[in-house]
Amino acid sequence: MFAPILSRYRFSPVVLVLLLICFTVSSVRPQQPPRRTPSETVREFYKTLRERKFREAFSLSIYKAAIEPLKPEEFEDLRPDFEKMALAVGERIPENMEIMGEQISGDLATVFVKVLDSDGKEKMEPAGLIMIDGVWILGDRENLEIVKKAGKKFFFNARIDAHHNDVQDMLTRISLALLLYSQQHNGQFANLATLITAGLLPKDLEGTESTGYRFHINVSPDAKTWTAQAEPAQYGRSGRLSFFMDATGVRSSDMGGKPLGPLTKK
């Protein structure tokens, strides 16, 4: 149920992965009674998330193994992603969220929550939970093992994967903006600042906070040809791949954070 929450946010990438909740089947039985019912767990998760108590919220999910090891500076580095997630959840799930029911089968549970779709219409969606050591948590066992294996790197890896996809999408948007501008200016192309001023590209490309990448558009002296580049603002934190694009397409490679240039002709 969580993937659609962020579908309207281009650069929120760690969010999509962080909120993906699936269902699995397990034969493990609880050793003690749960501290909260599945419905109470879901309600508390959204409440603490809405209150920006991110550590408390993620401790109610399979991401506990990723949130607990984070040092204060690492947590603050990830806070913008968590803030976007809380904002998206707040827009989709009312503060007085309504739970329509729950189903429990052994150590698996499903809670049905009333949410708002992109058109503001109400619909019901499921949230999956598993029981670990007598406590209900949001998530599934398969992804729990993935999170445990990655530890605190999980959040940064999720952010990097999302940023890589976002850069690909943004480069496509840049190529379309260049094409549109050239059609309006006798076949001449323009740099990044000009395209932003013209309203053809978003202003946040001037910085790196929302994208995690530095974007450049290089125009020839006669403004008849162009290339574009993007490299991570923080190598290993906001991205690993550097990108290069021209009229023939997009290439990417791990350059250690340095710009990727055109292919050398033999």
Foldseek 3Di string as FASTA:
>chain_A
DQQQLCPVPLQLFLLNVLPDADEDDDDDAAPDAAPDDPVVLVLVLLLCLLVVVVQVNCCQALLVQQSVVDDPVRCVLCSVSSVSNSVSCCQWAPNPWDWPDKDDDGQKIKTWTWTAGPVRDTDIDIWIWGADNNYIGTHYDVVSVVSNVCGNCSSQVRLAVSLVVSVQVVVVLVVVLQVVVCVVPVQFGDWPVVSVVVVSHPPCQVDCSRRQKHKTKAADPVRNFIKMKIFGPDDSRNYQKIWIDTPVGIDIDRPVRDHDDDDDDD
